[in-house]
Amino acid sequence: MSQEHAKAFLERMKNDEEFNGAVLRMEDSETKMAFIQREGYEFTTDELETASSSISM
């Protein structure tokens, strides 16, 4: 798990409309996290929060 993965995930959410839509359409948080991990992103909620405060969406 890493903050770098969290930052990369947020950047992809910002720049990849198809990926963003796929993530946002998932209603179940377990399904959403499984998808995100299959895409190669490993991070904790805390790492995601820290990353989101360090970049502008």
N, C-alpha and C. Protein backbone atom coordinates (compact mmCIF):
# COMPACT_ATOMS: atom_id res chain seq x y z
N MET A 1 0.85 -1.17 0.00
CA MET A 1 0.00 0.00 0.00
C MET A 1 0.89 1.23 0.00
N SER A 2 0.50 2.23 -0.76
CA SER A 2 1.38 3.39 -0.79
C SER A 2 0.65 4.66 -1.17
N GLN A 3 1.21 5.73 -0.71
CA GLN A 3 0.69 7.04 -1.05
C GLN A 3 0.89 7.34 -2.53
N GLU A 4 1.96 6.79 -3.11
CA GLU A 4 2.21 6.99 -4.54
C GLU A 4 1.08 6.37 -5.37
N HIS A 5 0.62 5.20 -4.94
CA HIS A 5 -0.50 4.56 -5.64
C HIS A 5 -1.76 5.40 -5.50
N ALA A 6 -1.97 5.96 -4.32
CA ALA A 6 -3.15 6.80 -4.10
C ALA A 6 -3.11 8.03 -5.00
N LYS A 7 -1.95 8.66 -5.12
CA LYS A 7 -1.81 9.83 -6.00
C LYS A 7 -2.04 9.44 -7.45
N ALA A 8 -1.48 8.31 -7.86
CA ALA A 8 -1.65 7.85 -9.24
C ALA A 8 -3.12 7.55 -9.52
N PHE A 9 -3.80 6.95 -8.55
CA PHE A 9 -5.23 6.66 -8.70
C PHE A 9 -6.02 7.95 -8.88
N LEU A 10 -5.75 8.94 -8.05
CA LEU A 10 -6.48 10.21 -8.14
C LEU A 10 -6.21 10.91 -9.47
N GLU A 11 -4.98 10.85 -9.93
CA GLU A 11 -4.65 11.44 -11.23
C GLU A 11 -5.42 10.74 -12.35
N ARG A 12 -5.51 9.41 -12.25
CA ARG A 12 -6.25 8.68 -13.28
C ARG A 12 -7.74 9.00 -13.22
N MET A 13 -8.27 9.14 -12.01
CA MET A 13 -9.67 9.52 -11.86
C MET A 13 -9.92 10.89 -12.49
N LYS A 14 -8.94 11.76 -12.38
CA LYS A 14 -9.06 13.11 -12.92
C LYS A 14 -8.96 13.13 -14.44
N ASN A 15 -8.12 12.28 -15.00
CA ASN A 15 -7.78 12.36 -16.43
C ASN A 15 -8.40 11.29 -17.32
N ASP A 16 -8.94 10.23 -16.75
CA ASP A 16 -9.48 9.11 -17.53
C ASP A 16 -10.99 9.00 -17.27
N GLU A 17 -11.78 9.59 -18.14
CA GLU A 17 -13.23 9.62 -17.94
C GLU A 17 -13.85 8.23 -17.87
N GLU A 18 -13.38 7.32 -18.69
CA GLU A 18 -13.93 5.96 -18.69
C GLU A 18 -13.66 5.26 -17.36
N PHE A 19 -12.42 5.36 -16.87
CA PHE A 19 -12.05 4.77 -15.58
C PHE A 19 -12.86 5.42 -14.46
N ASN A 20 -12.94 6.73 -14.47
CA ASN A 20 -13.68 7.48 -13.46
C ASN A 20 -15.13 7.01 -13.42
N GLY A 21 -15.74 6.93 -14.58
CA GLY A 21 -17.13 6.48 -14.64
C GLY A 21 -17.32 5.07 -14.12
N ALA A 22 -16.40 4.19 -14.46
CA ALA A 22 -16.49 2.80 -14.01
C ALA A 22 -16.43 2.73 -12.48
N VAL A 23 -15.53 3.49 -11.89
CA VAL A 23 -15.39 3.50 -10.43
C VAL A 23 -16.65 4.09 -9.79
N LEU A 24 -17.11 5.21 -10.31
CA LEU A 24 -18.25 5.89 -9.70
C LEU A 24 -19.56 5.13 -9.86
N ARG A 25 -19.69 4.30 -10.88
CA ARG A 25 -20.91 3.51 -11.08
C ARG A 25 -21.04 2.36 -10.08
N MET A 26 -19.94 1.96 -9.49
CA MET A 26 -19.97 0.84 -8.55
C MET A 26 -20.54 1.32 -7.22
N GLU A 27 -21.61 0.66 -6.78
CA GLU A 27 -22.28 1.07 -5.55
C GLU A 27 -21.68 0.44 -4.31
N ASP A 28 -21.17 -0.75 -4.43
CA ASP A 28 -20.63 -1.50 -3.30
C ASP A 28 -19.15 -1.16 -3.11
N SER A 29 -18.77 -0.72 -1.92
CA SER A 29 -17.38 -0.32 -1.69
C SER A 29 -16.40 -1.48 -1.82
N GLU A 30 -16.85 -2.69 -1.47
CA GLU A 30 -15.98 -3.87 -1.63
C GLU A 30 -15.68 -4.13 -3.10
N THR A 31 -16.69 -4.05 -3.93
CA THR A 31 -16.53 -4.24 -5.37
C THR A 31 -15.63 -3.15 -5.94
N LYS A 32 -15.84 -1.92 -5.49
CA LYS A 32 -15.05 -0.78 -5.96
C LYS A 32 -13.57 -0.98 -5.61
N MET A 33 -13.29 -1.37 -4.36
CA MET A 33 -11.89 -1.56 -3.96
C MET A 33 -11.26 -2.74 -4.69
N ALA A 34 -12.01 -3.80 -4.94
CA ALA A 34 -11.48 -4.95 -5.68
C ALA A 34 -11.10 -4.52 -7.09
N PHE A 35 -11.95 -3.73 -7.73
CA PHE A 35 -11.67 -3.22 -9.08
C PHE A 35 -10.42 -2.34 -9.07
N ILE A 36 -10.33 -1.44 -8.11
CA ILE A 36 -9.19 -0.53 -8.01
C ILE A 36 -7.90 -1.33 -7.82
N GLN A 37 -7.95 -2.35 -6.98
CA GLN A 37 -6.77 -3.18 -6.75
C GLN A 37 -6.40 -3.97 -8.00
N ARG A 38 -7.39 -4.47 -8.73
CA ARG A 38 -7.11 -5.19 -9.99
C ARG A 38 -6.44 -4.27 -11.00
N GLU A 39 -6.73 -3.00 -10.91
CA GLU A 39 -6.11 -2.02 -11.80
C GLU A 39 -4.69 -1.65 -11.35
N GLY A 40 -4.25 -2.21 -10.22
CA GLY A 40 -2.87 -2.03 -9.78
C GLY A 40 -2.65 -0.99 -8.70
N TYR A 41 -3.72 -0.52 -8.09
CA TYR A 41 -3.60 0.50 -7.05
C TYR A 41 -3.82 -0.12 -5.68
N GLU A 42 -2.85 0.05 -4.80
CA GLU A 42 -2.92 -0.46 -3.43
C GLU A 42 -2.68 0.70 -2.48
N PHE A 43 -3.71 1.07 -1.71
CA PHE A 43 -3.56 2.16 -0.75
C PHE A 43 -4.64 2.06 0.31
N THR A 44 -4.39 2.71 1.44
CA THR A 44 -5.37 2.75 2.52
C THR A 44 -6.22 4.01 2.37
N THR A 45 -7.30 4.05 3.13
CA THR A 45 -8.15 5.23 3.14
C THR A 45 -7.36 6.45 3.59
N ASP A 46 -6.53 6.29 4.61
CA ASP A 46 -5.70 7.40 5.09
C ASP A 46 -4.75 7.89 4.01
N GLU A 47 -4.14 6.97 3.27
CA GLU A 47 -3.24 7.37 2.18
C GLU A 47 -4.00 8.11 1.08
N LEU A 48 -5.22 7.68 0.82
CA LEU A 48 -6.04 8.36 -0.19
C LEU A 48 -6.39 9.77 0.27
N GLU A 49 -6.76 9.92 1.52
CA GLU A 49 -7.09 11.24 2.05
C GLU A 49 -5.88 12.17 2.01
N THR A 50 -4.71 11.66 2.39
CA THR A 50 -3.49 12.46 2.36
C THR A 50 -3.15 12.86 0.93
N ALA A 51 -3.27 11.93 0.01
CA ALA A 51 -2.97 12.21 -1.39
C ALA A 51 -3.94 13.24 -1.96
N SER A 52 -5.21 13.12 -1.61
CA SER A 52 -6.20 14.04 -2.16
C SER A 52 -5.99 15.46 -1.65
N SER A 53 -5.44 15.60 -0.45
CA SER A 53 -5.18 16.95 0.06
C SER A 53 -3.92 17.55 -0.55
N SER A 54 -3.08 16.71 -1.17
CA SER A 54 -1.83 17.21 -1.74
C SER A 54 -1.90 17.50 -3.23
N ILE A 55 -3.00 17.10 -3.90
CA ILE A 55 -3.16 17.43 -5.32
C ILE A 55 -4.51 18.09 -5.52
N SER A 56 -4.61 18.87 -6.57
CA SER A 56 -5.88 19.53 -6.86
C SER A 56 -6.67 18.71 -7.86
N MET A 57 -7.93 18.50 -7.57
CA MET A 57 -8.80 17.75 -8.47
C MET A 57 -9.43 18.77 -9.34
